[in-house]
Amino acid sequence: MKNFSIADLSGIIKAHPMNRVSRIEYRESSFTGVSTDSRTAKPGDCFFAIAGDNFDGHNYVEEAFAKGAVCAVVSEGVEGAPVLKVDDTTKALGDFARHYRRKAGYKVVAITGSVGKTTTRQIAYHVLSRHYRVFQAPKNFNNSIGLPLTLLGADPEDQIVIAELGSNYPGEIAYLTRIALPDVAVVTSVHPAHLAGFACLQTIIQEKLSIAGGLQPDGVLIINADCDQLVSACRAKGTGFCTFGKSDGCRCQARNITHAGFGSRFTIDGKQIYLPLAGSGNVENALAAWAVCSQFGLTIEDFARAAKTQPAVSMRAEPLQIGTLTVLNDCYNANPASMKNALDILTHLNSTGKRRLVFICGDMAELGRQAEHLHAELGASIAAAGVHLLMAVGKFAKIAAVAAKRTAEYDLQTKCFDDTLSACNNLKGFIKDYDIILVKGSRTAKLEMAVERLKAAFS
């Protein structure tokens, strides 16, 4: 980020009045970066002490200063210079990021949706960075802390920032979009997810569409036209939008779609596109990314050249060859829609029909009162996909296993485990050479442990 005056920051975040000595000290002082983690604080940083579920940044202010931080923003317990005190450090971080974004010269692309945010971001970044200086959200920085850090993390020379906006409760995206102030806003999809906070799909649709509330006056909203309820909601609100999808009439439409192994081929405006990412969900993600890139003057030829070299996205349908095993590492998160996408990929990987399909399945979290029903539906999808061995991890995954066993019209083997460690300890007893294995569950399952155990046992 650009050098920023500590005194100016104090005014922006409405810090409590400083004593005379502090005002004199800050008048000529500045910082060059922002940190919320004392472990990664750098010389010249301003440290925001955030109180989280597991850690309270106020306990690490001295450590941040020891790492070279030049000031700290706190809400309690720390006095004196160089400290700015506010009522709410998370809000202060957002207020600063909004101000900084307004003054910065870059354009902002903000992406939300029930599935596909990260992969869409990665594809758009991969393509746009061939033509512009682009900064993207580190990992999935998509909340009230991560989004401000994304906006503040861009270099002064960067021309485009690509951010993610996530939501666990109504109103979160409305807050985030007014920090991001996007030039381009994208809704990748709407599906049942985080139902514990939203209760129904219609509430999710309204939440996702609230991203348009922060659009710049000449900004563009891009939506997935294959989601009929999303399109209807946009029209009912009178919100202007452009579309991508597989449906007729989409501005950015994919035709002639074929899937083979860990890649897909399709055409956009008559141009053949090869995407080395598996599954129909990733075709949608590529379409969303193309809709973004087209807003910055790129041609479909530009997009096709870059898309064919798209690297895999970590823990999101990430293909791994572990000895004789083919592993689809999709264990970053899970909801009903992404589960179905992953099962579709798994089925296509067994083109000869001669290899065994294995699903190491964790719970889908945050589904509220619909959790049991949606896991039972997942079980039916598992049976329809022709999975041979289901290793279910967690109490809800067990519901999916029971439903899969009941639905399957073939000999489906199911094994249930209370936790990931128990499943890991039994992998060698159930996994066989040449298996094709899908590993997927919500973050709470931490199924990356299973992937690492497979590497250790079969490499």
Protein backbone atom coordinates (compact mmCIF):
# COMPACT_ATOMS: atom_id res chain seq x y z
CA MET A 1 0.00 0.00 0.00
CA LYS A 2 0.96 3.66 -0.25
CA ASN A 3 2.58 5.44 2.70
CA PHE A 4 -0.20 6.70 4.93
CA SER A 5 -0.16 9.30 7.67
CA ILE A 6 -0.97 8.07 11.18
CA ALA A 7 -2.62 11.42 11.91
CA ASP A 8 -4.87 11.05 8.85
CA LEU A 9 -5.75 7.49 9.90
CA SER A 10 -6.76 8.81 13.31
CA GLY A 11 -9.28 11.16 11.70
CA ILE A 12 -10.68 8.54 9.32
CA ILE A 13 -11.37 5.95 12.01
CA LYS A 14 -12.50 8.58 14.54
CA ALA A 15 -9.93 7.60 17.13
CA HIS A 16 -10.46 8.90 20.63
CA PRO A 17 -8.74 12.26 21.26
CA MET A 18 -4.99 11.93 21.76
CA ASN A 19 -2.90 13.86 24.21
CA ARG A 20 -0.72 16.71 22.95
CA VAL A 21 2.49 14.62 22.87
CA SER A 22 0.77 11.93 20.75
CA ARG A 23 -0.53 14.52 18.27
CA ILE A 24 2.95 15.98 17.81
CA GLU A 25 4.48 12.49 17.41
CA TYR A 26 1.94 11.40 14.80
CA ARG A 27 2.00 14.60 12.75
CA GLU A 28 5.12 13.54 10.84
CA SER A 29 4.71 9.76 11.17
CA SER A 30 3.36 7.29 8.64
CA PHE A 31 2.94 3.57 8.08
CA THR A 32 3.42 1.40 5.00
CA GLY A 33 1.21 -1.62 5.62
CA VAL A 34 -1.56 -3.09 7.75
CA SER A 35 -1.54 -6.25 9.84
CA THR A 36 -4.01 -8.08 12.07
CA ASP A 37 -1.63 -10.94 12.93
CA SER A 38 1.40 -10.22 15.10
CA ARG A 39 3.13 -13.34 13.74
CA THR A 40 3.33 -11.82 10.26
CA ALA A 41 3.64 -8.14 11.22
CA LYS A 42 6.37 -6.30 9.29
CA PRO A 43 8.44 -3.19 9.98
CA GLY A 44 6.36 -0.11 9.16
CA ASP A 45 2.98 -1.78 9.73
CA CYS A 46 -0.06 -0.43 11.53
CA PHE A 47 -1.36 -3.26 13.72
CA PHE A 48 -5.14 -3.55 14.17
CA ALA A 49 -5.91 -5.48 17.35
CA ILE A 50 -8.93 -7.61 16.41
CA ALA A 51 -10.77 -9.68 19.00
CA GLY A 52 -11.73 -13.00 17.38
CA ASP A 53 -13.26 -16.28 18.48
CA ASN A 54 -9.91 -17.86 19.36
CA PHE A 55 -7.48 -14.97 19.78
CA ASP A 56 -7.60 -11.36 20.95
CA GLY A 57 -5.18 -9.11 19.13
CA HIS A 58 -4.91 -6.86 22.17
CA ASN A 59 -2.79 -9.57 23.79
CA TYR A 60 -0.24 -9.31 20.96
CA VAL A 61 0.25 -5.56 20.54
CA GLU A 62 3.68 -5.62 22.18
CA GLU A 63 4.72 -8.52 19.93
CA ALA A 64 3.63 -6.53 16.86
CA PHE A 65 5.73 -3.56 18.01
CA ALA A 66 8.66 -5.90 18.54
CA LYS A 67 8.29 -6.99 14.90
CA GLY A 68 8.55 -3.36 13.78
CA ALA A 69 4.97 -2.09 13.78
CA VAL A 70 4.92 1.69 14.11
CA CYS A 71 1.42 2.10 15.55
CA ALA A 72 -1.56 0.08 16.72
CA VAL A 73 -5.34 0.51 16.62
CA VAL A 74 -7.00 -0.85 19.76
CA SER A 75 -10.32 -0.74 21.57
CA GLU A 76 -9.20 -1.63 25.07
CA GLY A 77 -6.40 -2.24 27.49
CA VAL A 78 -3.51 -0.48 25.73
CA GLU A 79 -2.62 3.16 26.33
CA GLY A 80 -0.13 5.71 25.12
CA ALA A 81 1.70 6.35 21.87
CA PRO A 82 1.88 4.99 19.32
CA VAL A 83 -1.68 3.74 19.89
CA LEU A 84 -5.02 4.86 18.42
CA LYS A 85 -8.07 3.90 20.44
CA VAL A 86 -11.48 3.28 18.86
CA ASP A 87 -14.74 1.69 19.92
CA ASP A 88 -14.56 -1.18 17.40
CA THR A 89 -11.31 -2.18 15.69
CA THR A 90 -13.00 -4.31 13.01
CA LYS A 91 -15.22 -1.40 11.97
CA ALA A 92 -12.20 0.91 12.04
CA LEU A 93 -10.36 -1.45 9.69
CA GLY A 94 -13.33 -1.39 7.31
CA ASP A 95 -13.65 2.40 7.49
CA PHE A 96 -9.99 2.81 6.66
CA ALA A 97 -10.17 0.31 3.78
CA ARG A 98 -13.18 2.13 2.29
CA HIS A 99 -11.36 5.47 2.44
CA TYR A 100 -8.19 3.98 0.98
CA ARG A 101 -10.11 2.27 -1.82
CA ARG A 102 -11.77 5.59 -2.77
CA LYS A 103 -8.37 7.29 -3.06
CA ALA A 104 -6.58 4.42 -4.79
CA GLY A 105 -6.35 4.34 -8.56
CA TYR A 106 -7.34 0.72 -9.04
CA LYS A 107 -10.60 -0.83 -10.23
CA VAL A 108 -12.32 -3.39 -8.01
CA VAL A 109 -13.92 -6.67 -9.05
CA ALA A 110 -16.04 -8.14 -6.22
CA ILE A 111 -17.24 -11.74 -6.46
CA THR A 112 -19.89 -13.46 -4.36
CA GLY A 113 -21.98 -16.61 -4.73
CA SER A 114 -22.86 -19.89 -3.04
CA VAL A 115 -20.17 -21.76 -4.97
CA GLY A 116 -17.38 -20.82 -7.35
CA LYS A 117 -16.11 -17.57 -5.81
CA THR A 118 -12.50 -18.62 -5.42
CA THR A 119 -12.13 -20.46 -8.73
CA THR A 120 -13.79 -17.60 -10.63
CA ARG A 121 -11.38 -15.20 -8.92
CA GLN A 122 -8.40 -17.37 -9.80
CA ILE A 123 -9.37 -17.68 -13.47
CA ALA A 124 -10.07 -13.95 -13.81
CA TYR A 125 -6.75 -13.18 -12.12
CA HIS A 126 -4.84 -15.61 -14.35
CA VAL A 127 -6.27 -14.05 -17.52
CA LEU A 128 -6.27 -10.37 -16.55
CA SER A 129 -2.75 -10.44 -15.12
CA ARG A 130 -1.42 -11.02 -18.64
CA HIS A 131 -2.65 -7.55 -19.57
CA TYR A 132 -2.81 -5.55 -16.32
CA ARG A 133 -1.19 -5.30 -12.92
CA VAL A 134 -3.66 -7.27 -10.82
CA PHE A 135 -3.86 -8.02 -7.10
CA GLN A 136 -6.19 -10.71 -5.81
CA ALA A 137 -7.50 -11.68 -2.41
CA PRO A 138 -4.98 -13.83 -0.53
CA LYS A 139 -6.61 -17.23 0.00
CA ASN A 140 -10.34 -16.65 0.63
CA PHE A 141 -10.14 -13.29 2.39
CA ASN A 142 -13.86 -12.60 2.07
CA ASN A 143 -15.15 -11.26 5.40
CA SER A 144 -15.07 -8.05 7.43
CA ILE A 145 -11.36 -8.53 8.12
CA GLY A 146 -10.18 -10.27 4.97
CA LEU A 147 -11.80 -7.87 2.50
CA PRO A 148 -10.20 -4.73 4.00
CA LEU A 149 -6.81 -6.49 4.06
CA THR A 150 -7.26 -7.30 0.37
CA LEU A 151 -8.03 -3.69 -0.57
CA LEU A 152 -5.15 -2.39 1.55
CA GLY A 153 -2.71 -5.03 0.33
CA ALA A 154 -2.53 -3.86 -3.27
CA ASP A 155 0.62 -2.08 -4.43
CA PRO A 156 0.31 1.55 -5.60
CA GLU A 157 0.98 0.39 -9.18
CA ASP A 158 -1.81 -2.21 -9.24
CA GLN A 159 -4.62 -1.47 -11.68
CA ILE A 160 -7.22 -4.08 -10.69
CA VAL A 161 -8.07 -5.69 -7.35
CA ILE A 162 -10.15 -8.90 -7.39
CA ALA A 163 -11.90 -9.53 -4.09
CA GLU A 164 -14.31 -12.11 -2.67
CA LEU A 165 -17.36 -11.27 -0.58
CA GLY A 166 -18.71 -14.05 1.61
CA SER A 167 -21.67 -14.13 3.94
CA ASN A 168 -22.90 -16.16 6.91
CA TYR A 169 -25.82 -13.93 7.90
CA PRO A 170 -28.15 -11.37 6.27
CA GLY A 171 -26.63 -7.93 5.80
CA GLU A 172 -22.99 -9.03 5.65
CA ILE A 173 -22.58 -8.51 1.90
CA ALA A 174 -24.36 -5.14 2.05
CA TYR A 175 -21.71 -4.06 4.58
CA LEU A 176 -18.79 -5.50 2.60
CA THR A 177 -19.82 -4.09 -0.77
CA ARG A 178 -19.90 -0.57 0.70
CA ILE A 179 -16.28 -1.08 1.65
CA ALA A 180 -15.24 -2.56 -1.70
CA LEU A 181 -17.25 -0.10 -3.86
CA PRO A 182 -16.86 -2.44 -6.86
CA ASP A 183 -16.63 -1.43 -10.49
CA VAL A 184 -17.65 -4.97 -11.44
CA ALA A 185 -19.78 -7.14 -9.14
CA VAL A 186 -20.36 -10.86 -9.83
CA VAL A 187 -22.88 -13.35 -8.45
CA THR A 188 -21.56 -16.77 -9.48
CA SER A 189 -24.59 -18.80 -8.32
CA VAL A 190 -27.20 -19.20 -5.61
CA HIS A 191 -27.78 -22.50 -3.85
CA PRO A 192 -28.72 -23.67 -0.34
CA ALA A 193 -25.68 -22.85 1.82
CA HIS A 194 -25.19 -21.37 5.30
CA LEU A 195 -28.87 -22.11 5.91
CA ALA A 196 -28.28 -21.83 9.65
CA GLY A 197 -27.98 -18.08 9.05
CA PHE A 198 -30.40 -17.65 6.13
CA ALA A 199 -33.21 -20.21 6.54
CA CYS A 200 -34.28 -20.23 2.86
CA LEU A 201 -33.01 -19.80 -0.69
CA GLN A 202 -34.90 -16.56 -1.28
CA THR A 203 -33.05 -14.92 1.61
CA ILE A 204 -29.77 -16.11 0.12
CA ILE A 205 -30.69 -14.61 -3.26
CA GLN A 206 -31.44 -11.23 -1.71
CA GLU A 207 -28.20 -11.38 0.26
CA LYS A 208 -26.10 -12.11 -2.82
CA LEU A 209 -27.81 -9.42 -4.87
CA SER A 210 -27.08 -6.83 -2.21
CA ILE A 211 -23.58 -6.72 -3.72
CA ALA A 212 -25.07 -4.30 -6.25
CA GLY A 213 -25.66 -1.76 -3.47
CA GLY A 214 -22.01 -0.75 -3.43
CA LEU A 215 -21.47 -0.54 -7.19
CA GLN A 216 -19.81 2.58 -8.55
CA PRO A 217 -22.16 4.81 -10.59
CA ASP A 218 -20.94 3.25 -13.85
CA GLY A 219 -20.47 -0.20 -12.34
CA VAL A 220 -21.64 -3.49 -13.85
CA LEU A 221 -23.50 -6.36 -12.15
CA ILE A 222 -22.86 -9.81 -13.67
CA ILE A 223 -25.11 -12.74 -12.74
CA ASN A 224 -25.56 -16.42 -13.57
CA ALA A 225 -28.59 -16.57 -15.87
CA ASP A 226 -28.94 -20.32 -15.35
CA CYS A 227 -30.33 -19.47 -11.89
CA ASP A 228 -33.90 -18.52 -12.84
CA GLN A 229 -34.79 -17.22 -9.38
CA LEU A 230 -31.72 -14.97 -9.39
CA VAL A 231 -32.71 -13.44 -12.73
CA SER A 232 -36.31 -12.96 -11.56
CA ALA A 233 -35.14 -11.27 -8.37
CA CYS A 234 -32.94 -8.87 -10.35
CA ARG A 235 -35.82 -7.95 -12.61
CA ALA A 236 -38.17 -7.46 -9.68
CA LYS A 237 -35.69 -5.08 -8.05
CA GLY A 238 -35.18 -3.20 -11.31
CA THR A 239 -31.45 -3.87 -11.11
CA GLY A 240 -29.56 -3.72 -14.39
CA PHE A 241 -27.33 -6.70 -15.11
CA CYS A 242 -25.50 -8.70 -17.74
CA THR A 243 -25.49 -12.47 -17.84
CA PHE A 244 -23.37 -15.57 -18.27
CA GLY A 245 -24.40 -19.21 -18.41
CA LYS A 246 -25.40 -22.11 -20.62
CA SER A 247 -28.93 -20.87 -21.29
CA ASP A 248 -29.99 -19.28 -24.55
CA GLY A 249 -29.91 -15.51 -24.46
CA CYS A 250 -26.92 -15.20 -22.12
CA ARG A 251 -24.47 -12.49 -23.08
CA CYS A 252 -21.59 -14.85 -22.25
CA GLN A 253 -22.79 -18.31 -23.23
CA ALA A 254 -20.99 -21.66 -23.40
CA ARG A 255 -21.92 -24.09 -26.14
CA ASN A 256 -20.73 -27.53 -27.26
CA ILE A 257 -19.55 -28.51 -23.78
CA THR A 258 -17.59 -31.75 -23.39
CA HIS A 259 -15.78 -33.12 -20.35
CA ALA A 260 -12.78 -35.43 -20.43
CA GLY A 261 -10.58 -36.28 -17.46
CA PHE A 262 -9.53 -33.17 -15.58
CA GLY A 263 -10.53 -30.74 -18.32
CA SER A 264 -13.42 -29.36 -20.36
CA ARG A 265 -13.88 -28.01 -23.87
CA PHE A 266 -16.56 -25.57 -24.95
CA THR A 267 -17.11 -22.66 -27.29
CA ILE A 268 -17.82 -19.00 -26.55
CA ASP A 269 -18.85 -16.85 -29.51
CA GLY A 270 -17.62 -19.62 -31.80
CA LYS A 271 -14.15 -19.73 -30.20
CA GLN A 272 -12.94 -23.08 -28.89
CA ILE A 273 -11.91 -22.90 -25.22
CA TYR A 274 -9.95 -25.56 -23.36
CA LEU A 275 -10.06 -25.31 -19.58
CA PRO A 276 -7.79 -27.69 -17.63
CA LEU A 277 -10.24 -27.78 -14.72
CA ALA A 278 -12.78 -30.56 -14.39
CA GLY A 279 -16.55 -30.42 -14.15
CA SER A 280 -19.54 -28.41 -15.32
CA GLY A 281 -19.21 -26.10 -12.31
CA ASN A 282 -15.83 -24.93 -13.55
CA VAL A 283 -17.30 -24.17 -16.98
CA GLU A 284 -19.68 -21.80 -15.18
CA ASN A 285 -16.75 -20.32 -13.27
CA ALA A 286 -14.87 -19.76 -16.52
CA LEU A 287 -17.90 -18.05 -18.04
CA ALA A 288 -18.15 -15.74 -15.03
CA ALA A 289 -14.44 -14.96 -15.36
CA TRP A 290 -14.83 -14.25 -19.07
CA ALA A 291 -17.71 -11.89 -18.33
CA VAL A 292 -15.36 -10.02 -15.98
CA CYS A 293 -12.45 -9.97 -18.42
CA SER A 294 -14.65 -8.65 -21.23
CA GLN A 295 -15.38 -5.58 -19.08
CA PHE A 296 -11.68 -4.70 -19.27
CA GLY A 297 -11.41 -4.84 -23.05
CA LEU A 298 -10.05 -8.36 -23.48
CA THR A 299 -11.07 -10.38 -26.53
CA ILE A 300 -12.26 -13.97 -26.50
CA GLU A 301 -8.96 -14.88 -28.18
CA ASP A 302 -7.10 -13.33 -25.24
CA PHE A 303 -9.22 -15.37 -22.87
CA ALA A 304 -8.76 -18.65 -24.76
CA ARG A 305 -4.96 -18.29 -24.84
CA ALA A 306 -4.77 -17.77 -21.10
CA ALA A 307 -7.49 -20.24 -20.02
CA LYS A 308 -5.65 -23.24 -21.47
CA THR A 309 -2.79 -22.67 -19.01
CA GLN A 310 -5.01 -22.17 -15.94
CA PRO A 311 -3.38 -23.90 -12.94
CA ALA A 312 -5.39 -26.05 -10.55
CA VAL A 313 -6.94 -24.31 -7.54
CA SER A 314 -5.75 -25.72 -4.22
CA MET A 315 -8.31 -27.95 -2.46
CA ARG A 316 -11.03 -27.09 -5.00
CA ALA A 317 -11.42 -30.03 -7.39
CA GLU A 318 -7.62 -30.17 -7.33
CA PRO A 319 -6.34 -33.24 -9.23
CA LEU A 320 -3.59 -35.24 -7.54
CA GLN A 321 -1.81 -38.40 -8.67
CA ILE A 322 -0.64 -40.26 -5.58
CA GLY A 323 1.13 -43.40 -6.74
CA THR A 324 -1.53 -45.38 -8.60
CA LEU A 325 -4.35 -43.40 -6.95
CA THR A 326 -6.19 -40.59 -8.68
CA VAL A 327 -7.38 -38.13 -6.03
CA LEU A 328 -9.78 -35.22 -6.39
CA ASN A 329 -8.84 -32.94 -3.50
CA ASP A 330 -11.97 -30.84 -2.98
CA CYS A 331 -11.86 -30.58 0.78
CA TYR A 332 -11.84 -26.82 1.29
CA ASN A 333 -15.59 -26.59 1.84
CA ALA A 334 -18.90 -28.16 0.92
CA ASN A 335 -22.59 -27.46 0.38
CA PRO A 336 -25.24 -29.40 -1.55
CA ALA A 337 -24.47 -27.77 -4.90
CA SER A 338 -20.70 -28.19 -4.69
CA MET A 339 -21.14 -31.81 -3.56
CA LYS A 340 -23.16 -32.58 -6.69
CA ASN A 341 -20.56 -30.87 -8.88
CA ALA A 342 -17.78 -32.92 -7.31
CA LEU A 343 -19.69 -36.20 -7.70
CA ASP A 344 -20.26 -35.34 -11.36
CA ILE A 345 -16.50 -34.90 -11.83
CA LEU A 346 -15.82 -38.19 -10.03
CA THR A 347 -18.17 -40.05 -12.38
CA HIS A 348 -16.55 -38.57 -15.50
CA LEU A 349 -13.08 -39.58 -14.30
CA ASN A 350 -14.02 -43.24 -14.54
CA SER A 351 -14.35 -43.18 -18.34
CA THR A 352 -13.48 -46.86 -18.76
CA GLY A 353 -15.74 -47.99 -15.94
CA LYS A 354 -13.00 -50.33 -14.73
CA ARG A 355 -11.72 -48.43 -11.70
CA ARG A 356 -13.25 -48.21 -8.26
CA LEU A 357 -14.83 -44.92 -7.16
CA VAL A 358 -14.25 -43.92 -3.54
CA PHE A 359 -15.80 -40.97 -1.73
CA ILE A 360 -14.29 -39.78 1.57
CA CYS A 361 -17.21 -37.59 2.62
CA GLY A 362 -17.36 -35.11 5.50
CA ASP A 363 -20.34 -33.25 6.92
CA MET A 364 -21.79 -30.24 5.12
CA ALA A 365 -21.84 -27.59 7.84
CA GLU A 366 -24.18 -24.67 8.60
CA LEU A 367 -27.32 -26.13 7.01
CA GLY A 368 -29.53 -25.50 10.02
CA ARG A 369 -32.79 -27.38 10.30
CA GLN A 370 -32.44 -28.74 6.76
CA ALA A 371 -29.16 -30.53 7.53
CA GLU A 372 -30.60 -34.04 7.86
CA HIS A 373 -32.81 -33.72 4.79
CA LEU A 374 -30.01 -32.33 2.60
CA HIS A 375 -27.59 -35.03 3.72
CA ALA A 376 -30.18 -37.67 2.87
CA GLU A 377 -30.47 -36.10 -0.60
CA LEU A 378 -26.68 -36.21 -0.84
CA GLY A 379 -26.84 -39.94 -0.13
CA ALA A 380 -29.15 -40.46 -3.11
CA SER A 381 -26.71 -38.48 -5.29
CA ILE A 382 -23.82 -40.63 -4.10
CA ALA A 383 -25.67 -43.79 -5.14
CA ALA A 384 -26.61 -42.22 -8.51
CA ALA A 385 -22.94 -41.40 -9.13
CA GLY A 386 -22.02 -45.07 -8.84
CA VAL A 387 -19.65 -44.71 -5.89
CA HIS A 388 -18.30 -48.11 -4.85
CA LEU A 389 -16.93 -47.21 -1.39
CA LEU A 390 -18.23 -44.39 0.79
CA MET A 391 -16.17 -43.46 3.85
CA ALA A 392 -18.43 -41.10 5.81
CA VAL A 393 -16.89 -38.80 8.43
CA GLY A 394 -19.21 -37.14 10.97
CA LYS A 395 -22.78 -37.52 12.19
CA PHE A 396 -24.42 -35.91 9.16
CA ALA A 397 -22.23 -37.77 6.67
CA LYS A 398 -23.48 -40.93 8.36
CA ILE A 399 -27.04 -39.91 7.38
CA ALA A 400 -25.82 -39.61 3.79
CA ALA A 401 -24.26 -43.07 4.04
CA VAL A 402 -27.50 -44.65 5.28
CA ALA A 403 -29.47 -42.97 2.48
CA ALA A 404 -26.90 -43.98 -0.13
CA LYS A 405 -26.96 -47.61 0.99
CA ARG A 406 -30.76 -47.64 0.95
CA THR A 407 -30.96 -46.02 -2.50
CA ALA A 408 -28.19 -47.91 -4.30
CA GLU A 409 -29.30 -50.71 -6.60
CA TYR A 410 -25.83 -52.25 -6.45
CA ASP A 411 -23.35 -53.35 -3.80
CA LEU A 412 -22.32 -50.01 -2.30
CA GLN A 413 -19.85 -50.42 0.57
CA THR A 414 -20.19 -47.84 3.36
CA LYS A 415 -17.96 -47.21 6.38
CA CYS A 416 -18.77 -44.54 8.98
CA PHE A 417 -16.35 -42.75 11.29
CA ASP A 418 -16.93 -40.26 14.08
CA ASP A 419 -14.02 -38.02 13.10
CA THR A 420 -11.33 -37.47 10.47
CA LEU A 421 -8.53 -38.98 12.53
CA SER A 422 -10.45 -42.27 12.83
CA ALA A 423 -11.00 -42.32 9.08
CA CYS A 424 -7.32 -41.56 8.44
CA ASN A 425 -6.27 -44.45 10.66
CA ASN A 426 -8.37 -46.81 8.53
CA LEU A 427 -7.43 -45.62 5.05
CA LYS A 428 -4.88 -48.34 4.35
CA GLY A 429 -7.44 -51.00 5.23
CA PHE A 430 -10.00 -49.79 2.67
CA ILE A 431 -8.18 -47.96 -0.14
CA LYS A 432 -6.84 -50.08 -3.01
CA ASP A 433 -4.37 -49.40 -5.80
CA TYR A 434 -5.85 -47.56 -8.80
CA ASP A 435 -8.84 -46.22 -6.85
CA ILE A 436 -10.29 -42.87 -7.95
CA ILE A 437 -10.95 -40.95 -4.75
CA LEU A 438 -13.00 -37.83 -4.04
CA VAL A 439 -12.21 -36.11 -0.74
CA LYS A 440 -14.76 -33.46 0.19
CA GLY A 441 -16.41 -31.94 3.24
CA SER A 442 -16.86 -28.62 5.01
CA ARG A 443 -13.97 -26.84 6.70
CA THR A 444 -14.96 -28.28 10.07
CA ALA A 445 -14.06 -31.79 8.84
CA LYS A 446 -10.44 -30.81 7.95
CA LEU A 447 -10.29 -33.60 5.39
CA GLU A 448 -6.95 -32.35 4.09
CA MET A 449 -5.61 -34.64 6.82
CA ALA A 450 -6.90 -37.58 4.78
CA VAL A 451 -5.18 -36.30 1.64
CA GLU A 452 -1.88 -36.01 3.50
CA ARG A 453 -2.31 -39.53 4.92
CA LEU A 454 -2.93 -40.87 1.40
CA LYS A 455 0.27 -39.19 0.22
CA ALA A 456 2.22 -40.76 3.05
CA ALA A 457 0.79 -44.23 2.51
CA PHE A 458 0.64 -44.52 -1.28
CA SER A 459 3.33 -42.26 -2.78
